[in-house]
């Protein structure tokens, strides 16, 4: 493999784009060639985040990217934009997308959820939905890598192993998730017009959130039968971090302790998964500014019920860090490179 991977980042000035730049600018096997943001052409990225010290190229339009000069384009753009780019790039260029454009296997479901026509239907089957811990052996074979949403990442890391091993009742999965406001992007004030938005906890998209389709899809694939979860997200008055509390009914002889032992064994070789001490309380501060997911299995007063708490940094493990982790594996680099 060549000495360094040549990178373009589209959506460079958004919350996720800036986190990507911070990671990739110090990654030993990467060289950033193009930074793209249509509303900031000609500016230096350091004017958006003074913590980015490395001298990088001025921002250009994604239309001006010379795809013959790069190996990878990361797209941290609004839904609908990565589809357009995917149609234009040469096959040799790998697309690592952080939007929802290639997360759903059924384009009709995508159009229903996101109210956008899918413009690259034929490329969906050529893409892979990639939580690294579950797909690392397949990643080198795909030129389009779709990174999961932040909520689904925090939820699937504890649930997929349990669903696959038939340890829980899949008809009654209840999830309560809370996210810092960066998860809503820079247009948060346009999306949410609640009073005192930054000083209160706010439930939103109750009964239907776009990520539910993604969560249902992946859990159904893992269980080989249709699953529909109960999921309610909340915005909380802090910048970053997600805490998901998952309420489950166990099956057979399983209980909280057996589920704890199984998750500990399952994730033993996954560098970025930490299983907390049994029945311990955790928070987003345990994983802030890292690519880790920390999981705690807790007991309920009803012995057949289990409470799982899962925490991630939504901007890193829920987005940019996971994207770089996927890149490392796709190019057969050390999985933790640039992330520890």
C-alpha atoms as a PDB file:
ATOM      1  CA  UNK A   1       0.000   0.000   0.000  1.00  0.00           C
ATOM      2  CA  UNK A   2       1.174   3.556  -0.712  1.00  0.00           C
ATOM      3  CA  UNK A   3       2.699   5.631   2.098  1.00  0.00           C
ATOM      4  CA  UNK A   4      -0.366   7.748   2.766  1.00  0.00           C
ATOM      5  CA  UNK A   5      -4.044   7.728   1.878  1.00  0.00           C
ATOM      6  CA  UNK A   6      -5.114  10.890   0.104  1.00  0.00           C
ATOM      7  CA  UNK A   7      -8.328  12.289   1.525  1.00  0.00           C
ATOM      8  CA  UNK A   8     -11.115  14.737   0.692  1.00  0.00           C
ATOM      9  CA  UNK A   9     -13.638  15.810   3.332  1.00  0.00           C
ATOM     10  CA  UNK A  10     -16.994  17.221   2.203  1.00  0.00           C
ATOM     11  CA  UNK A  11     -18.893  19.086   4.893  1.00  0.00           C
ATOM     12  CA  UNK A  12     -15.658  20.156   6.551  1.00  0.00           C
ATOM     13  CA  UNK A  13     -17.047  22.986   8.695  1.00  0.00           C
ATOM     14  CA  UNK A  14     -19.888  21.078  10.385  1.00  0.00           C
ATOM     15  CA  UNK A  15     -19.578  19.587  13.867  1.00  0.00           C
ATOM     16  CA  UNK A  16     -18.719  16.132  12.480  1.00  0.00           C
ATOM     17  CA  UNK A  17     -16.503  17.477   9.701  1.00  0.00           C
ATOM     18  CA  UNK A  18     -14.355  19.386  12.178  1.00  0.00           C
ATOM     19  CA  UNK A  19     -13.963  16.288  14.364  1.00  0.00           C
ATOM     20  CA  UNK A  20     -12.937  14.296  11.290  1.00  0.00           C
ATOM     21  CA  UNK A  21     -10.289  16.868  10.437  1.00  0.00           C
ATOM     22  CA  UNK A  22      -8.895  16.793  13.983  1.00  0.00           C
ATOM     23  CA  UNK A  23      -8.480  13.019  13.802  1.00  0.00           C
ATOM     24  CA  UNK A  24      -7.254  12.751  10.202  1.00  0.00           C
ATOM     25  CA  UNK A  25      -4.846  15.693  10.403  1.00  0.00           C
ATOM     26  CA  UNK A  26      -2.742  13.737  12.931  1.00  0.00           C
ATOM     27  CA  UNK A  27      -3.345  10.257  11.465  1.00  0.00           C
ATOM     28  CA  UNK A  28       0.068   8.846  10.450  1.00  0.00           C
ATOM     29  CA  UNK A  29      -1.211   7.208   7.248  1.00  0.00           C
ATOM     30  CA  UNK A  30      -3.339  10.054   5.870  1.00  0.00           C
ATOM     31  CA  UNK A  31      -2.824  13.232   3.882  1.00  0.00           C
ATOM     32  CA  UNK A  32      -5.740  15.673   3.566  1.00  0.00           C
ATOM     33  CA  UNK A  33      -5.814  16.980  -0.008  1.00  0.00           C
ATOM     34  CA  UNK A  34      -9.198  18.726  -0.226  1.00  0.00           C
ATOM     35  CA  UNK A  35     -11.539  20.338   2.302  1.00  0.00           C
ATOM     36  CA  UNK A  36     -14.993  21.202   1.000  1.00  0.00           C
ATOM     37  CA  UNK A  37     -17.785  23.440   2.285  1.00  0.00           C
ATOM     38  CA  UNK A  38     -19.811  25.357  -0.253  1.00  0.00           C
ATOM     39  CA  UNK A  39     -20.563  28.317   2.042  1.00  0.00           C
ATOM     40  CA  UNK A  40     -16.963  28.829   3.188  1.00  0.00           C
ATOM     41  CA  UNK A  41     -14.941  28.711  -0.025  1.00  0.00           C
ATOM     42  CA  UNK A  42     -11.489  30.304   0.246  1.00  0.00           C
ATOM     43  CA  UNK A  43     -11.316  30.209   4.040  1.00  0.00           C
ATOM     44  CA  UNK A  44      -8.872  28.249   6.202  1.00  0.00           C
ATOM     45  CA  UNK A  45     -10.328  25.591   8.467  1.00  0.00           C
ATOM     46  CA  UNK A  46      -8.457  27.022  11.460  1.00  0.00           C
ATOM     47  CA  UNK A  47     -10.890  29.963  11.413  1.00  0.00           C
ATOM     48  CA  UNK A  48     -13.653  27.501  12.383  1.00  0.00           C
ATOM     49  CA  UNK A  49     -11.677  25.650  15.062  1.00  0.00           C
ATOM     50  CA  UNK A  50      -8.474  27.072  16.516  1.00  0.00           C
ATOM     51  CA  UNK A  51      -7.546  23.626  17.888  1.00  0.00           C
ATOM     52  CA  UNK A  52      -6.691  22.511  14.354  1.00  0.00           C
ATOM     53  CA  UNK A  53      -3.047  23.558  14.221  1.00  0.00           C
ATOM     54  CA  UNK A  54      -1.873  21.750  11.104  1.00  0.00           C
ATOM     55  CA  UNK A  55      -1.618  23.812   7.945  1.00  0.00           C
ATOM     56  CA  UNK A  56      -4.282  22.500   5.588  1.00  0.00           C
ATOM     57  CA  UNK A  57      -5.522  23.526   2.126  1.00  0.00           C
ATOM     58  CA  UNK A  58      -8.094  26.288   1.760  1.00  0.00           C
ATOM     59  CA  UNK A  59     -11.727  25.267   1.578  1.00  0.00           C
ATOM     60  CA  UNK A  60     -13.140  24.643  -1.915  1.00  0.00           C
ATOM     61  CA  UNK A  61     -16.446  23.514  -3.396  1.00  0.00           C
ATOM     62  CA  UNK A  62     -16.936  19.754  -3.670  1.00  0.00           C
ATOM     63  CA  UNK A  63     -17.544  20.383  -7.392  1.00  0.00           C
ATOM     64  CA  UNK A  64     -13.890  21.369  -7.723  1.00  0.00           C
ATOM     65  CA  UNK A  65     -12.431  18.197  -6.205  1.00  0.00           C
ATOM     66  CA  UNK A  66     -10.091  16.329  -8.568  1.00  0.00           C
ATOM     67  CA  UNK A  67     -11.080  12.749  -7.787  1.00  0.00           C
ATOM     68  CA  UNK A  68      -8.042  11.426  -9.630  1.00  0.00           C
ATOM     69  CA  UNK A  69      -5.893  12.815  -6.817  1.00  0.00           C
ATOM     70  CA  UNK A  70      -7.605  11.082  -3.894  1.00  0.00           C
ATOM     71  CA  UNK A  71      -8.260   7.620  -2.488  1.00  0.00           C
ATOM     72  CA  UNK A  72     -11.172   8.443  -0.168  1.00  0.00           C
ATOM     73  CA  UNK A  73     -13.872  11.053   0.185  1.00  0.00           C
ATOM     74  CA  UNK A  74     -15.576  11.405   3.556  1.00  0.00           C
ATOM     75  CA  UNK A  75     -19.031  12.950   3.259  1.00  0.00           C
ATOM     76  CA  UNK A  76     -20.398  14.672   6.378  1.00  0.00           C
ATOM     77  CA  UNK A  77     -23.215  16.359   4.483  1.00  0.00           C
ATOM     78  CA  UNK A  78     -26.994  16.741   4.791  1.00  0.00           C
ATOM     79  CA  UNK A  79     -29.008  13.703   3.710  1.00  0.00           C
ATOM     80  CA  UNK A  80     -29.318  13.476  -0.062  1.00  0.00           C
ATOM     81  CA  UNK A  81     -25.921  14.947  -0.959  1.00  0.00           C
ATOM     82  CA  UNK A  82     -23.712  11.831  -0.748  1.00  0.00           C
ATOM     83  CA  UNK A  83     -25.964  10.077  -3.286  1.00  0.00           C
ATOM     84  CA  UNK A  84     -25.106  12.716  -5.873  1.00  0.00           C
ATOM     85  CA  UNK A  85     -21.378  12.422  -5.198  1.00  0.00           C
ATOM     86  CA  UNK A  86     -21.509   8.608  -5.297  1.00  0.00           C
ATOM     87  CA  UNK A  87     -22.755   8.718  -8.899  1.00  0.00           C
ATOM     88  CA  UNK A  88     -19.834  10.868 -10.044  1.00  0.00           C
ATOM     89  CA  UNK A  89     -16.740   9.449  -8.361  1.00  0.00           C
ATOM     90  CA  UNK A  90     -14.465   6.894 -10.047  1.00  0.00           C
ATOM     91  CA  UNK A  91     -14.732   3.325  -8.758  1.00  0.00           C
ATOM     92  CA  UNK A  92     -11.212   3.481  -7.335  1.00  0.00           C
ATOM     93  CA  UNK A  93     -12.269   6.233  -4.903  1.00  0.00           C
ATOM     94  CA  UNK A  94     -13.845   4.934  -1.702  1.00  0.00           C
ATOM     95  CA  UNK A  95     -16.805   6.866  -0.290  1.00  0.00           C
ATOM     96  CA  UNK A  96     -17.168   6.868   3.507  1.00  0.00           C
ATOM     97  CA  UNK A  97     -20.530   8.457   4.216  1.00  0.00           C
ATOM     98  CA  UNK A  98     -21.689   9.810   7.576  1.00  0.00           C
ATOM     99  CA  UNK A  99     -25.212  10.723   6.444  1.00  0.00           C
ATOM    100  CA  UNK A 100     -28.181   8.342   6.122  1.00  0.00           C
ATOM    101  CA  UNK A 101     -27.956   8.016   2.331  1.00  0.00           C
ATOM    102  CA  UNK A 102     -26.825   4.366   2.252  1.00  0.00           C
ATOM    103  CA  UNK A 103     -27.946   3.124   5.676  1.00  0.00           C
ATOM    104  CA  UNK A 104     -31.279   1.645   4.629  1.00  0.00           C
ATOM    105  CA  UNK A 105     -31.389  -1.378   2.322  1.00  0.00           C
ATOM    106  CA  UNK A 106     -34.782  -0.419   0.883  1.00  0.00           C
ATOM    107  CA  UNK A 107     -34.782   2.897  -0.981  1.00  0.00           C
ATOM    108  CA  UNK A 108     -38.558   3.155  -0.476  1.00  0.00           C
ATOM    109  CA  UNK A 109     -38.032   3.083   3.279  1.00  0.00           C
ATOM    110  CA  UNK A 110     -35.379   5.778   2.893  1.00  0.00           C
ATOM    111  CA  UNK A 111     -37.731   7.993   0.886  1.00  0.00           C
ATOM    112  CA  UNK A 112     -40.492   7.450   3.443  1.00  0.00           C
ATOM    113  CA  UNK A 113     -38.226   8.368   6.383  1.00  0.00           C
ATOM    114  CA  UNK A 114     -36.259  11.235   4.894  1.00  0.00           C
ATOM    115  CA  UNK A 115     -38.775  12.662   2.390  1.00  0.00           C
ATOM    116  CA  UNK A 116     -36.082  12.728  -0.311  1.00  0.00           C
ATOM    117  CA  UNK A 117     -35.931  10.847  -3.617  1.00  0.00           C
ATOM    118  CA  UNK A 118     -32.992   8.422  -3.631  1.00  0.00           C
ATOM    119  CA  UNK A 119     -30.820   9.224  -6.631  1.00  0.00           C
ATOM    120  CA  UNK A 120     -28.420   6.263  -6.397  1.00  0.00           C
ATOM    121  CA  UNK A 121     -30.704   3.275  -5.865  1.00  0.00           C
ATOM    122  CA  UNK A 122     -28.413   0.987  -7.853  1.00  0.00           C
ATOM    123  CA  UNK A 123     -25.520   1.725  -5.477  1.00  0.00           C
ATOM    124  CA  UNK A 124     -27.299   0.697  -2.273  1.00  0.00           C
ATOM    125  CA  UNK A 125     -26.498  -2.986  -2.860  1.00  0.00           C
ATOM    126  CA  UNK A 126     -22.867  -2.037  -3.458  1.00  0.00           C
ATOM    127  CA  UNK A 127     -22.585  -0.328  -0.077  1.00  0.00           C
ATOM    128  CA  UNK A 128     -22.110  -1.753   3.412  1.00  0.00           C
ATOM    129  CA  UNK A 129     -23.704  -0.592   6.650  1.00  0.00           C
ATOM    130  CA  UNK A 130     -20.680  -0.609   8.889  1.00  0.00           C
ATOM    131  CA  UNK A 131     -20.419  -0.781  12.630  1.00  0.00           C
ATOM    132  CA  UNK A 132     -16.789  -1.888  12.642  1.00  0.00           C
ATOM    133  CA  UNK A 133     -17.193  -4.370  15.481  1.00  0.00           C
ATOM    134  CA  UNK A 134     -19.713  -6.372  13.435  1.00  0.00           C
ATOM    135  CA  UNK A 135     -18.456  -5.893   9.858  1.00  0.00           C
ATOM    136  CA  UNK A 136     -14.654  -5.674   9.991  1.00  0.00           C
ATOM    137  CA  UNK A 137     -14.085  -8.783   7.852  1.00  0.00           C
ATOM    138  CA  UNK A 138     -16.260  -7.417   5.017  1.00  0.00           C
ATOM    139  CA  UNK A 139     -15.097  -3.806   4.897  1.00  0.00           C
ATOM    140  CA  UNK A 140     -12.142  -4.202   2.467  1.00  0.00           C
ATOM    141  CA  UNK A 141     -14.576  -5.484  -0.189  1.00  0.00           C
ATOM    142  CA  UNK A 142     -16.740  -2.344  -0.410  1.00  0.00           C
ATOM    143  CA  UNK A 143     -16.172   1.005  -2.108  1.00  0.00           C
ATOM    144  CA  UNK A 144     -19.132   2.662  -0.328  1.00  0.00           C
ATOM    145  CA  UNK A 145     -19.056   2.487   3.470  1.00  0.00           C
ATOM    146  CA  UNK A 146     -22.141   3.780   5.261  1.00  0.00           C
ATOM    147  CA  UNK A 147     -21.494   4.789   8.853  1.00  0.00           C
ATOM    148  CA  UNK A 148     -24.411   4.320  11.273  1.00  0.00           C
ATOM    149  CA  UNK A 149     -26.229   7.085  13.077  1.00  0.00           C
ATOM    150  CA  UNK A 150     -25.108   8.060  16.561  1.00  0.00           C
ATOM    151  CA  UNK A 151     -28.182   6.784  18.413  1.00  0.00           C
ATOM    152  CA  UNK A 152     -28.145   3.438  16.535  1.00  0.00           C
ATOM    153  CA  UNK A 153     -24.451   2.967  17.322  1.00  0.00           C
ATOM    154  CA  UNK A 154     -25.027   3.320  21.059  1.00  0.00           C
ATOM    155  CA  UNK A 155     -27.985   0.933  20.850  1.00  0.00           C
ATOM    156  CA  UNK A 156     -26.663  -1.785  18.550  1.00  0.00           C
ATOM    157  CA  UNK A 157     -23.317  -2.347  20.248  1.00  0.00           C
ATOM    158  CA  UNK A 158     -24.992  -3.892  23.308  1.00  0.00           C
ATOM    159  CA  UNK A 159     -28.095  -5.302  21.561  1.00  0.00           C
ATOM    160  CA  UNK A 160     -26.823  -7.064  18.412  1.00  0.00           C
ATOM    161  CA  UNK A 161     -24.924  -9.779  20.352  1.00  0.00           C
ATOM    162  CA  UNK A 162     -27.948 -10.439  22.593  1.00  0.00           C
ATOM    163  CA  UNK A 163     -30.385 -10.585  19.686  1.00  0.00           C
ATOM    164  CA  UNK A 164     -28.128 -12.955  17.733  1.00  0.00           C
ATOM    165  CA  UNK A 165     -27.816 -15.261  20.743  1.00  0.00           C
ATOM    166  CA  UNK A 166     -31.582 -15.130  21.454  1.00  0.00           C
ATOM    167  CA  UNK A 167     -31.026 -13.913  25.033  1.00  0.00           C
ATOM    168  CA  UNK A 168     -33.796 -11.296  25.101  1.00  0.00           C
ATOM    169  CA  UNK A 169     -37.447 -10.938  24.204  1.00  0.00           C
ATOM    170  CA  UNK A 170     -37.355  -9.006  20.927  1.00  0.00           C
ATOM    171  CA  UNK A 171     -41.036  -7.994  21.127  1.00  0.00           C
ATOM    172  CA  UNK A 172     -40.529  -5.540  23.969  1.00  0.00           C
ATOM    173  CA  UNK A 173     -37.316  -3.542  23.506  1.00  0.00           C
ATOM    174  CA  UNK A 174     -37.690  -0.074  25.044  1.00  0.00           C
ATOM    175  CA  UNK A 175     -34.986   2.556  24.479  1.00  0.00           C
ATOM    176  CA  UNK A 176     -34.677   5.991  26.045  1.00  0.00           C
ATOM    177  CA  UNK A 177     -31.792   8.017  24.590  1.00  0.00           C
ATOM    178  CA  UNK A 178     -30.430  11.437  25.495  1.00  0.00           C
ATOM    179  CA  UNK A 179     -28.069  13.415  23.289  1.00  0.00           C
ATOM    180  CA  UNK A 180     -26.076  16.611  23.512  1.00  0.00           C
ATOM    181  CA  UNK A 181     -27.252  19.266  21.061  1.00  0.00           C
ATOM    182  CA  UNK A 182     -24.341  18.772  18.632  1.00  0.00           C
ATOM    183  CA  UNK A 183     -26.188  15.647  17.478  1.00  0.00           C
ATOM    184  CA  UNK A 184     -28.753  17.917  15.828  1.00  0.00           C
ATOM    185  CA  UNK A 185     -26.137  19.761  13.751  1.00  0.00           C
ATOM    186  CA  UNK A 186     -25.494  23.468  13.362  1.00  0.00           C
ATOM    187  CA  UNK A 187     -29.065  24.168  12.260  1.00  0.00           C
ATOM    188  CA  UNK A 188     -30.409  23.144  15.665  1.00  0.00           C
ATOM    189  CA  UNK A 189     -32.224  26.454  16.236  1.00  0.00           C
ATOM    190  CA  UNK A 190     -34.137  26.021  12.980  1.00  0.00           C
ATOM    191  CA  UNK A 191     -35.027  22.404  13.748  1.00  0.00           C
ATOM    192  CA  UNK A 192     -36.055  22.940  17.371  1.00  0.00           C
ATOM    193  CA  UNK A 193     -37.973  26.028  18.417  1.00  0.00           C
ATOM    194  CA  UNK A 194     -38.492  25.046  22.047  1.00  0.00           C
ATOM    195  CA  UNK A 195     -38.276  27.739  24.674  1.00  0.00           C
ATOM    196  CA  UNK A 196     -35.041  27.631  26.674  1.00  0.00           C
ATOM    197  CA  UNK A 197     -33.632  24.965  24.315  1.00  0.00           C
ATOM    198  CA  UNK A 198     -30.161  25.114  25.831  1.00  0.00           C
ATOM    199  CA  UNK A 199     -31.392  25.075  29.422  1.00  0.00           C
ATOM    200  CA  UNK A 200     -33.908  22.244  29.394  1.00  0.00           C
ATOM    201  CA  UNK A 201     -34.391  18.589  28.493  1.00  0.00           C
ATOM    202  CA  UNK A 202     -36.640  18.160  25.443  1.00  0.00           C
ATOM    203  CA  UNK A 203     -38.238  15.009  24.057  1.00  0.00           C
ATOM    204  CA  UNK A 204     -38.643  15.066  20.283  1.00  0.00           C
ATOM    205  CA  UNK A 205     -39.778  12.859  17.380  1.00  0.00           C
ATOM    206  CA  UNK A 206     -41.803  10.858  19.901  1.00  0.00           C
ATOM    207  CA  UNK A 207     -43.223   7.697  18.323  1.00  0.00           C
ATOM    208  CA  UNK A 208     -41.252   8.178  15.122  1.00  0.00           C
ATOM    209  CA  UNK A 209     -37.608   9.095  14.715  1.00  0.00           C
ATOM    210  CA  UNK A 210     -35.661   8.628  11.475  1.00  0.00           C
ATOM    211  CA  UNK A 211     -33.153   6.347  13.187  1.00  0.00           C
ATOM    212  CA  UNK A 212     -35.874   3.853  14.142  1.00  0.00           C
ATOM    213  CA  UNK A 213     -35.885   2.384  10.625  1.00  0.00           C
ATOM    214  CA  UNK A 214     -32.142   1.838  10.835  1.00  0.00           C
ATOM    215  CA  UNK A 215     -32.325   0.244  14.286  1.00  0.00           C
ATOM    216  CA  UNK A 216     -35.253  -2.008  13.276  1.00  0.00           C
ATOM    217  CA  UNK A 217     -33.461  -3.047  10.084  1.00  0.00           C
ATOM    218  CA  UNK A 218     -30.198  -4.094  11.723  1.00  0.00           C
ATOM    219  CA  UNK A 219     -31.788  -5.861  14.690  1.00  0.00           C
ATOM    220  CA  UNK A 220     -34.111  -7.714  12.297  1.00  0.00           C
ATOM    221  CA  UNK A 221     -31.136  -8.847  10.211  1.00  0.00           C
ATOM    222  CA  UNK A 222     -29.352 -10.048  13.358  1.00  0.00           C
ATOM    223  CA  UNK A 223     -32.377 -11.944  14.674  1.00  0.00           C
ATOM    224  CA  UNK A 224     -33.606 -13.164  11.261  1.00  0.00           C
ATOM    225  CA  UNK A 225     -37.102 -11.999  12.153  1.00  0.00           C
ATOM    226  CA  UNK A 226     -38.852  -8.644  12.118  1.00  0.00           C
ATOM    227  CA  UNK A 227     -38.165  -6.405  15.115  1.00  0.00           C
ATOM    228  CA  UNK A 228     -39.706  -3.019  15.900  1.00  0.00           C
ATOM    229  CA  UNK A 229     -38.323  -1.160  18.899  1.00  0.00           C
ATOM    230  CA  UNK A 230     -39.868   1.494  21.118  1.00  0.00           C
ATOM    231  CA  UNK A 231     -37.507   4.476  20.967  1.00  0.00           C
ATOM    232  CA  UNK A 232     -37.716   8.008  22.331  1.00  0.00           C
ATOM    233  CA  UNK A 233     -34.855  10.505  21.896  1.00  0.00           C
ATOM    234  CA  UNK A 234     -34.211  13.613  23.995  1.00  0.00           C
ATOM    235  CA  UNK A 235     -31.987  16.668  23.620  1.00  0.00           C
ATOM    236  CA  UNK A 236     -30.173  17.662  26.784  1.00  0.00           C
ATOM    237  CA  UNK A 237     -28.412  20.973  27.532  1.00  0.00           C
ATOM    238  CA  UNK A 238     -24.819  19.912  26.860  1.00  0.00           C
ATOM    239  CA  UNK A 239     -22.721  19.979  23.704  1.00  0.00           C
ATOM    240  CA  UNK A 240     -21.770  16.342  23.107  1.00  0.00           C
ATOM    241  CA  UNK A 241     -22.415  12.796  24.284  1.00  0.00           C
ATOM    242  CA  UNK A 242     -25.194  10.185  24.148  1.00  0.00           C
ATOM    243  CA  UNK A 243     -26.594   8.053  26.932  1.00  0.00           C
ATOM    244  CA  UNK A 244     -29.013   5.282  25.935  1.00  0.00           C
ATOM    245  CA  UNK A 245     -30.971   3.393  28.575  1.00  0.00           C
ATOM    246  CA  UNK A 246     -32.351   0.119  27.209  1.00  0.00           C
ATOM    247  CA  UNK A 247     -35.070  -1.871  29.009  1.00  0.00           C
ATOM    248  CA  UNK A 248     -35.243  -5.580  28.191  1.00  0.00           C
ATOM    249  CA  UNK A 249     -36.983  -8.815  29.148  1.00  0.00           C
ATOM    250  CA  UNK A 250     -34.649 -11.824  29.265  1.00  0.00           C
ATOM    251  CA  UNK A 251     -35.498 -15.261  27.845  1.00  0.00           C
ATOM    252  CA  UNK A 252     -35.070 -18.725  29.323  1.00  0.00           C
ATOM    253  CA  UNK A 253     -32.654 -18.842  32.235  1.00  0.00           C
ATOM    254  CA  UNK A 254     -30.930 -15.607  31.272  1.00  0.00           C
ATOM    255  CA  UNK A 255     -30.732 -12.749  33.745  1.00  0.00           C
ATOM    256  CA  UNK A 256     -28.739  -9.559  34.132  1.00  0.00           C
ATOM    257  CA  UNK A 257     -25.622 -11.383  35.343  1.00  0.00           C
ATOM    258  CA  UNK A 258     -25.552 -13.914  32.481  1.00  0.00           C
ATOM    259  CA  UNK A 259     -26.100 -11.124  29.966  1.00  0.00           C
ATOM    260  CA  UNK A 260     -23.263  -9.117  31.541  1.00  0.00           C
ATOM    261  CA  UNK A 261     -20.912 -12.125  31.284  1.00  0.00           C
ATOM    262  CA  UNK A 262     -21.895 -12.755  27.680  1.00  0.00           C
ATOM    263  CA  UNK A 263     -21.335  -9.145  26.571  1.00  0.00           C
ATOM    264  CA  UNK A 264     -18.003  -9.074  28.388  1.00  0.00           C
ATOM    265  CA  UNK A 265     -16.906 -12.208  26.535  1.00  0.00           C
ATOM    266  CA  UNK A 266     -18.340 -11.101  23.172  1.00  0.00           C
ATOM    267  CA  UNK A 267     -16.609  -7.713  23.191  1.00  0.00           C
ATOM    268  CA  UNK A 268     -13.348  -8.902  24.754  1.00  0.00           C
ATOM    269  CA  UNK A 269     -11.348  -8.362  21.535  1.00  0.00           C
ATOM    270  CA  UNK A 270     -13.104  -5.132  20.510  1.00  0.00           C
ATOM    271  CA  UNK A 271     -10.634  -2.419  21.444  1.00  0.00           C
ATOM    272  CA  UNK A 272     -13.185   0.378  21.648  1.00  0.00           C
ATOM    273  CA  UNK A 273     -15.846  -1.388  23.717  1.00  0.00           C
ATOM    274  CA  UNK A 274     -15.626  -1.186  27.503  1.00  0.00           C
ATOM    275  CA  UNK A 275     -17.934  -3.271  29.685  1.00  0.00           C
ATOM    276  CA  UNK A 276     -18.357  -1.564  33.042  1.00  0.00           C
ATOM    277  CA  UNK A 277     -18.374  -3.447  36.339  1.00  0.00           C
ATOM    278  CA  UNK A 278     -21.660  -5.325  36.790  1.00  0.00           C
ATOM    279  CA  UNK A 279     -24.549  -3.170  38.021  1.00  0.00           C
ATOM    280  CA  UNK A 280     -22.521   0.040  37.976  1.00  0.00           C
ATOM    281  CA  UNK A 281     -23.686   3.490  36.946  1.00  0.00           C
ATOM    282  CA  UNK A 282     -21.931   5.216  34.060  1.00  0.00           C
ATOM    283  CA  UNK A 283     -22.171   8.541  32.247  1.00  0.00           C
ATOM    284  CA  UNK A 284     -21.077  10.305  29.078  1.00  0.00           C
ATOM    285  CA  UNK A 285     -18.098  11.761  30.956  1.00  0.00           C
ATOM    286  CA  UNK A 286     -16.562   8.268  30.873  1.00  0.00           C
ATOM    287  CA  UNK A 287     -16.169   8.402  27.087  1.00  0.00           C
ATOM    288  CA  UNK A 288     -16.070  12.111  26.202  1.00  0.00           C
ATOM    289  CA  UNK A 289     -13.625  12.957  23.381  1.00  0.00           C
ATOM    290  CA  UNK A 290     -12.878   9.260  22.755  1.00  0.00           C
ATOM    291  CA  UNK A 291     -13.899   6.549  20.303  1.00  0.00           C
ATOM    292  CA  UNK A 292     -15.082   4.274  23.123  1.00  0.00           C
ATOM    293  CA  UNK A 293     -18.521   2.887  23.840  1.00  0.00           C
ATOM    294  CA  UNK A 294     -19.006   1.988  27.499  1.00  0.00           C
ATOM    295  CA  UNK A 295     -21.757  -0.439  28.451  1.00  0.00           C
ATOM    296  CA  UNK A 296     -23.199  -1.255  31.871  1.00  0.00           C
ATOM    297  CA  UNK A 297     -25.611  -4.105  32.585  1.00  0.00           C
ATOM    298  CA  UNK A 298     -27.816  -3.417  35.611  1.00  0.00           C
ATOM    299  CA  UNK A 299     -30.350  -5.386  37.620  1.00  0.00           C
ATOM    300  CA  UNK A 300     -34.008  -4.512  38.049  1.00  0.00           C
ATOM    301  CA  UNK A 301     -36.221  -5.414  41.014  1.00  0.00           C
ATOM    302  CA  UNK A 302     -37.906  -7.861  38.604  1.00  0.00           C
ATOM    303  CA  UNK A 303     -35.235 -10.533  38.051  1.00  0.00           C
ATOM    304  CA  UNK A 304     -36.355 -11.248  34.465  1.00  0.00           C
ATOM    305  CA  UNK A 305     -35.854  -7.641  33.434  1.00  0.00           C
ATOM    306  CA  UNK A 306     -32.509  -6.090  32.509  1.00  0.00           C
ATOM    307  CA  UNK A 307     -31.450  -2.469  32.201  1.00  0.00           C
ATOM    308  CA  UNK A 308     -28.512  -1.693  29.919  1.00  0.00           C
ATOM    309  CA  UNK A 309     -26.829   1.718  29.849  1.00  0.00           C
ATOM    310  CA  UNK A 310     -24.676   2.568  26.828  1.00  0.00           C
ATOM    311  CA  UNK A 311     -22.652   5.780  26.455  1.00  0.00           C
ATOM    312  CA  UNK A 312     -20.703   7.211  23.530  1.00  0.00           C
ATOM    313  CA  UNK A 313     -19.381  10.527  22.289  1.00  0.00           C
ATOM    314  CA  UNK A 314     -21.826  11.167  19.446  1.00  0.00           C
ATOM    315  CA  UNK A 315     -19.250  13.137  17.426  1.00  0.00           C
ATOM    316  CA  UNK A 316     -16.550  10.460  17.636  1.00  0.00           C
ATOM    317  CA  UNK A 317     -17.750   6.878  18.191  1.00  0.00           C
ATOM    318  CA  UNK A 318     -21.137   7.993  16.860  1.00  0.00           C
ATOM    319  CA  UNK A 319     -19.654   9.619  13.742  1.00  0.00           C
ATOM    320  CA  UNK A 320     -16.081  10.705  12.877  1.00  0.00           C
ATOM    321  CA  UNK A 321     -14.159   8.187  15.005  1.00  0.00           C
ATOM    322  CA  UNK A 322     -16.211   5.271  13.751  1.00  0.00           C
ATOM    323  CA  UNK A 323     -15.663   6.479  10.171  1.00  0.00           C
ATOM    324  CA  UNK A 324     -11.886   6.492  10.699  1.00  0.00           C
ATOM    325  CA  UNK A 325     -12.087   3.091  12.415  1.00  0.00           C
ATOM    326  CA  UNK A 326     -13.898   1.781   9.316  1.00  0.00           C
ATOM    327  CA  UNK A 327     -11.256   3.344   7.082  1.00  0.00           C
ATOM    328  CA  UNK A 328      -8.433   1.716   9.030  1.00  0.00           C
ATOM    329  CA  UNK A 329      -9.996  -1.722   8.692  1.00  0.00           C
ATOM    330  CA  UNK A 330     -10.912  -1.253   5.013  1.00  0.00           C
ATOM    331  CA  UNK A 331      -7.258  -0.500   4.220  1.00  0.00           C
ATOM    332  CA  UNK A 332      -5.916  -3.192   6.575  1.00  0.00           C
ATOM    333  CA  UNK A 333      -4.304  -0.678   8.897  1.00  0.00           C
ATOM    334  CA  UNK A 334      -4.235  -1.139  12.653  1.00  0.00           C
ATOM    335  CA  UNK A 335      -7.827  -0.563  13.732  1.00  0.00           C
ATOM    336  CA  UNK A 336      -6.921   1.858  16.509  1.00  0.00           C
ATOM    337  CA  UNK A 337      -4.543   3.966  14.373  1.00  0.00           C
ATOM    338  CA  UNK A 338      -5.110   7.687  14.927  1.00  0.00           C
ATOM    339  CA  UNK A 339      -7.837   7.015  17.489  1.00  0.00           C
ATOM    340  CA  UNK A 340      -5.884   6.420  20.700  1.00  0.00           C
END
